Amino acid sequence: MGSTTTDRASFFDGLAAEFLQHYTRGPRFIAVTGVAGADLPAAADALAEALRASGQQVDRSHATAHTTPDSLRTDVVTPFRTASPDGVLVVDGPGLLGDTLRGFWNFSVWIEHDPERDADWSFVATGRKDPLGAPREVASVLFDDADPERPRRLFADSC
């Protein structure tokens, strides 16, 4: 099977638990990015809320398409590390898994938005090569937000 669907709250609680299983302390960084049409801020807010409900100190930030590694480091990462030495920073925005920004994140979420996607979707099942390549391939988690109340986790590997 290529995807799983759950209600919104359970979905983001599960993402938070998955993240916290691997990243328990210290300053931690999560990127939320994806295709045009995906609601990146809403997903980042929902993940931040689930992390707060798990007892984490969470800050939120937004990056633009013009965010550079230097501006991210100077304006967002360094102040966060200083103010929240044991917190989680959730950043949403386009291009966060591109070559120049990908190394900032402990964990990343890639959001698709395709109302026509079959429940058994995967690139392996379709026999197609991923046209976006590396940004989608390096994400920790992929999901489709076509139905915001029932996000679908996607699995784009061949396992």
C-alpha atoms as a PDB file:
ATOM      1  CA  MET A   1       0.000   0.000   0.000  1.00  0.00           C
ATOM      2  CA  GLY A   2       1.260   3.477  -0.884  1.00  0.00           C
ATOM      3  CA  SER A   3      -0.569   5.635   1.677  1.00  0.00           C
ATOM      4  CA  THR A   4      -2.457   5.734   4.948  1.00  0.00           C
ATOM      5  CA  THR A   5      -5.205   8.157   5.974  1.00  0.00           C
ATOM      6  CA  THR A   6      -6.098   9.284   9.508  1.00  0.00           C
ATOM      7  CA  ASP A   7      -7.946  12.180  11.079  1.00  0.00           C
ATOM      8  CA  ARG A   8      -5.979  15.423  11.305  1.00  0.00           C
ATOM      9  CA  ALA A   9      -5.286  15.460  15.055  1.00  0.00           C
ATOM     10  CA  SER A  10      -4.159  11.826  15.132  1.00  0.00           C
ATOM     11  CA  PHE A  11      -2.014  12.350  12.053  1.00  0.00           C
ATOM     12  CA  PHE A  12      -0.055  15.255  13.548  1.00  0.00           C
ATOM     13  CA  ASP A  13       0.148  13.587  16.964  1.00  0.00           C
ATOM     14  CA  GLY A  14       1.752  10.635  15.169  1.00  0.00           C
ATOM     15  CA  LEU A  15       4.225  12.894  13.342  1.00  0.00           C
ATOM     16  CA  ALA A  16       5.167  14.541  16.628  1.00  0.00           C
ATOM     17  CA  ALA A  17       5.687  11.148  18.275  1.00  0.00           C
ATOM     18  CA  GLU A  18       7.800   9.951  15.345  1.00  0.00           C
ATOM     19  CA  PHE A  19       9.985  13.059  15.550  1.00  0.00           C
ATOM     20  CA  LEU A  20      10.358  12.853  19.342  1.00  0.00           C
ATOM     21  CA  GLN A  21      11.303   9.179  19.171  1.00  0.00           C
ATOM     22  CA  HIS A  22      14.477  10.201  17.355  1.00  0.00           C
ATOM     23  CA  TYR A  23      15.118  13.762  18.586  1.00  0.00           C
ATOM     24  CA  THR A  24      14.592  14.039  22.326  1.00  0.00           C
ATOM     25  CA  ARG A  25      16.614  17.062  23.424  1.00  0.00           C
ATOM     26  CA  GLY A  26      18.740  19.985  22.383  1.00  0.00           C
ATOM     27  CA  PRO A  27      17.735  22.575  19.810  1.00  0.00           C
ATOM     28  CA  ARG A  28      15.845  20.717  17.091  1.00  0.00           C
ATOM     29  CA  PHE A  29      14.767  21.922  13.666  1.00  0.00           C
ATOM     30  CA  ILE A  30      11.864  20.827  11.456  1.00  0.00           C
ATOM     31  CA  ALA A  31      11.194  21.972   7.880  1.00  0.00           C
ATOM     32  CA  VAL A  32       7.681  21.888   6.425  1.00  0.00           C
ATOM     33  CA  THR A  33       7.672  22.359   2.657  1.00  0.00           C
ATOM     34  CA  GLY A  34       6.069  20.947  -0.464  1.00  0.00           C
ATOM     35  CA  VAL A  35       4.352  21.599  -3.753  1.00  0.00           C
ATOM     36  CA  ALA A  36       2.521  24.774  -4.724  1.00  0.00           C
ATOM     37  CA  GLY A  37      -1.056  24.460  -3.509  1.00  0.00           C
ATOM     38  CA  ALA A  38      -0.125  22.685  -0.285  1.00  0.00           C
ATOM     39  CA  ASP A  39      -1.060  24.578   2.884  1.00  0.00           C
ATOM     40  CA  LEU A  40       2.395  24.722   4.465  1.00  0.00           C
ATOM     41  CA  PRO A  41       1.558  27.152   7.321  1.00  0.00           C
ATOM     42  CA  ALA A  42      -1.483  25.138   8.428  1.00  0.00           C
ATOM     43  CA  ALA A  43       0.510  21.905   8.496  1.00  0.00           C
ATOM     44  CA  ALA A  44       3.406  23.533  10.359  1.00  0.00           C
ATOM     45  CA  ASP A  45       0.990  25.035  12.903  1.00  0.00           C
ATOM     46  CA  ALA A  46      -0.693  21.639  13.432  1.00  0.00           C
ATOM     47  CA  LEU A  47       2.661  19.909  13.928  1.00  0.00           C
ATOM     48  CA  ALA A  48       3.814  22.647  16.320  1.00  0.00           C
ATOM     49  CA  GLU A  49       0.609  22.260  18.332  1.00  0.00           C
ATOM     50  CA  ALA A  50       1.046  18.474  18.524  1.00  0.00           C
ATOM     51  CA  LEU A  51       4.612  18.954  19.748  1.00  0.00           C
ATOM     52  CA  ARG A  52       3.441  21.449  22.387  1.00  0.00           C
ATOM     53  CA  ALA A  53       0.806  18.951  23.526  1.00  0.00           C
ATOM     54  CA  SER A  54       3.697  16.487  23.983  1.00  0.00           C
ATOM     55  CA  GLY A  55       5.369  18.923  26.380  1.00  0.00           C
ATOM     56  CA  GLN A  56       7.834  20.534  23.976  1.00  0.00           C
ATOM     57  CA  GLN A  57       8.762  24.201  23.827  1.00  0.00           C
ATOM     58  CA  VAL A  58       8.057  25.095  20.191  1.00  0.00           C
ATOM     59  CA  ASP A  59       8.721  28.195  18.121  1.00  0.00           C
ATOM     60  CA  ARG A  60       7.317  28.808  14.637  1.00  0.00           C
ATOM     61  CA  SER A  61       8.864  30.642  11.731  1.00  0.00           C
ATOM     62  CA  HIS A  62       8.193  31.167   8.037  1.00  0.00           C
ATOM     63  CA  ALA A  63      10.746  31.236   5.225  1.00  0.00           C
ATOM     64  CA  THR A  64      10.190  32.757   1.813  1.00  0.00           C
ATOM     65  CA  ALA A  65      11.400  31.638  -1.591  1.00  0.00           C
ATOM     66  CA  HIS A  66      14.159  34.241  -1.185  1.00  0.00           C
ATOM     67  CA  THR A  67      15.494  32.893   2.118  1.00  0.00           C
ATOM     68  CA  THR A  68      19.234  32.271   1.912  1.00  0.00           C
ATOM     69  CA  PRO A  69      21.359  30.057   4.155  1.00  0.00           C
ATOM     70  CA  ASP A  70      22.963  33.159   5.683  1.00  0.00           C
ATOM     71  CA  SER A  71      19.637  34.858   6.424  1.00  0.00           C
ATOM     72  CA  LEU A  72      18.163  31.652   7.867  1.00  0.00           C
ATOM     73  CA  ARG A  73      21.194  31.166  10.093  1.00  0.00           C
ATOM     74  CA  THR A  74      21.418  34.818  11.199  1.00  0.00           C
ATOM     75  CA  ASP A  75      17.749  35.747  11.526  1.00  0.00           C
ATOM     76  CA  VAL A  76      16.181  32.458  12.644  1.00  0.00           C
ATOM     77  CA  VAL A  77      18.516  29.646  13.733  1.00  0.00           C
ATOM     78  CA  THR A  78      21.018  31.562  15.882  1.00  0.00           C
ATOM     79  CA  PRO A  79      18.383  33.521  17.857  1.00  0.00           C
ATOM     80  CA  PHE A  80      16.384  30.320  18.381  1.00  0.00           C
ATOM     81  CA  ARG A  81      19.416  28.385  19.660  1.00  0.00           C
ATOM     82  CA  THR A  82      20.157  31.203  22.098  1.00  0.00           C
ATOM     83  CA  ALA A  83      16.588  31.568  23.381  1.00  0.00           C
ATOM     84  CA  SER A  84      15.539  27.891  23.289  1.00  0.00           C
ATOM     85  CA  PRO A  85      18.480  25.571  23.968  1.00  0.00           C
ATOM     86  CA  ASP A  86      16.131  22.595  24.363  1.00  0.00           C
ATOM     87  CA  GLY A  87      13.249  23.594  22.089  1.00  0.00           C
ATOM     88  CA  VAL A  88      11.883  22.729  18.660  1.00  0.00           C
ATOM     89  CA  LEU A  89      11.753  25.193  15.786  1.00  0.00           C
ATOM     90  CA  VAL A  90       9.181  24.465  13.072  1.00  0.00           C
ATOM     91  CA  VAL A  91       9.759  26.438   9.866  1.00  0.00           C
ATOM     92  CA  ASP A  92       7.453  26.407   6.864  1.00  0.00           C
ATOM     93  CA  GLY A  93       8.174  27.730   3.405  1.00  0.00           C
ATOM     94  CA  PRO A  94       9.087  26.827  -0.144  1.00  0.00           C
ATOM     95  CA  GLY A  95      12.451  25.369  -1.042  1.00  0.00           C
ATOM     96  CA  LEU A  96      13.526  24.302   2.447  1.00  0.00           C
ATOM     97  CA  LEU A  97      14.815  20.967   1.141  1.00  0.00           C
ATOM     98  CA  GLY A  98      16.757  22.469  -1.739  1.00  0.00           C
ATOM     99  CA  ASP A  99      20.501  22.002  -1.936  1.00  0.00           C
ATOM    100  CA  THR A 100      21.373  25.160   0.011  1.00  0.00           C
ATOM    101  CA  LEU A 101      18.960  24.768   2.971  1.00  0.00           C
ATOM    102  CA  ARG A 102      18.566  21.008   3.389  1.00  0.00           C
ATOM    103  CA  GLY A 103      21.380  20.679   5.949  1.00  0.00           C
ATOM    104  CA  PHE A 104      19.622  22.836   8.569  1.00  0.00           C
ATOM    105  CA  TRP A 105      16.914  20.287   9.442  1.00  0.00           C
ATOM    106  CA  ASN A 106      16.817  17.321  11.807  1.00  0.00           C
ATOM    107  CA  PHE A 107      13.443  16.301  10.385  1.00  0.00           C
ATOM    108  CA  SER A 108      11.469  17.395   7.362  1.00  0.00           C
ATOM    109  CA  VAL A 109       7.943  17.144   6.017  1.00  0.00           C
ATOM    110  CA  TRP A 110       7.086  17.274   2.299  1.00  0.00           C
ATOM    111  CA  ILE A 111       3.450  18.026   1.472  1.00  0.00           C
ATOM    112  CA  GLU A 112       1.744  17.014  -1.737  1.00  0.00           C
ATOM    113  CA  HIS A 113      -1.640  18.358  -2.820  1.00  0.00           C
ATOM    114  CA  ASP A 114      -3.363  16.053  -5.300  1.00  0.00           C
ATOM    115  CA  PRO A 115      -7.126  15.485  -4.944  1.00  0.00           C
ATOM    116  CA  GLU A 116      -6.984  12.797  -7.667  1.00  0.00           C
ATOM    117  CA  ARG A 117      -4.285  10.652  -6.021  1.00  0.00           C
ATOM    118  CA  ASP A 118      -5.120   6.949  -5.725  1.00  0.00           C
ATOM    119  CA  ALA A 119      -4.881   5.418  -2.233  1.00  0.00           C
ATOM    120  CA  ASP A 120      -2.240   2.940  -3.458  1.00  0.00           C
ATOM    121  CA  TRP A 121      -0.071   5.616  -5.058  1.00  0.00           C
ATOM    122  CA  SER A 122       3.695   5.397  -5.165  1.00  0.00           C
ATOM    123  CA  PHE A 123       6.270   6.165  -7.843  1.00  0.00           C
ATOM    124  CA  VAL A 124       7.116   2.463  -7.840  1.00  0.00           C
ATOM    125  CA  ALA A 125       3.467   1.517  -8.481  1.00  0.00           C
ATOM    126  CA  THR A 126       3.120   4.063 -11.274  1.00  0.00           C
ATOM    127  CA  GLY A 127       6.471   3.195 -12.836  1.00  0.00           C
ATOM    128  CA  ARG A 128       7.281   6.909 -13.125  1.00  0.00           C
ATOM    129  CA  LYS A 129      10.417   8.737 -12.050  1.00  0.00           C
ATOM    130  CA  ASP A 130       9.895  11.471  -9.469  1.00  0.00           C
ATOM    131  CA  PRO A 131      10.007  14.740 -11.450  1.00  0.00           C
ATOM    132  CA  LEU A 132      10.940  16.785  -8.359  1.00  0.00           C
ATOM    133  CA  GLY A 133      13.751  14.461  -7.390  1.00  0.00           C
ATOM    134  CA  ALA A 134      15.919  15.260  -4.402  1.00  0.00           C
ATOM    135  CA  PRO A 135      13.691  17.578  -2.312  1.00  0.00           C
ATOM    136  CA  ARG A 136      10.978  14.955  -2.090  1.00  0.00           C
ATOM    137  CA  GLU A 137      13.493  12.112  -1.775  1.00  0.00           C
ATOM    138  CA  VAL A 138      15.222  13.572   1.294  1.00  0.00           C
ATOM    139  CA  ALA A 139      12.062  14.360   3.283  1.00  0.00           C
ATOM    140  CA  SER A 140      11.561  12.413   6.503  1.00  0.00           C
ATOM    141  CA  VAL A 141       7.800  12.296   5.890  1.00  0.00           C
ATOM    142  CA  LEU A 142       5.592  12.772   2.830  1.00  0.00           C
ATOM    143  CA  PHE A 143       1.862  13.385   2.992  1.00  0.00           C
ATOM    144  CA  ASP A 144      -1.007  14.662   0.871  1.00  0.00           C
ATOM    145  CA  ASP A 145      -3.182  17.475   2.232  1.00  0.00           C
ATOM    146  CA  ALA A 146      -5.869  17.415  -0.482  1.00  0.00           C
ATOM    147  CA  ASP A 147      -8.374  16.672   2.320  1.00  0.00           C
ATOM    148  CA  PRO A 148      -7.109  18.871   5.185  1.00  0.00           C
ATOM    149  CA  GLU A 149      -9.176  16.996   7.767  1.00  0.00           C
ATOM    150  CA  ARG A 150      -7.798  13.596   6.693  1.00  0.00           C
ATOM    151  CA  PRO A 151      -4.142  13.913   5.636  1.00  0.00           C
ATOM    152  CA  ARG A 152      -2.721  10.883   3.849  1.00  0.00           C
ATOM    153  CA  ARG A 153       0.773   9.665   4.623  1.00  0.00           C
ATOM    154  CA  LEU A 154       2.587   8.741   1.416  1.00  0.00           C
ATOM    155  CA  PHE A 155       5.358   6.263   0.945  1.00  0.00           C
ATOM    156  CA  ALA A 156       7.444   6.923  -2.138  1.00  0.00           C
ATOM    157  CA  ASP A 157       9.938   4.121  -1.688  1.00  0.00           C
ATOM    158  CA  SER A 158       9.971   0.562  -2.941  1.00  0.00           C
ATOM    159  CA  CYS A 159      10.017  -1.178   0.463  1.00  0.00           C
END
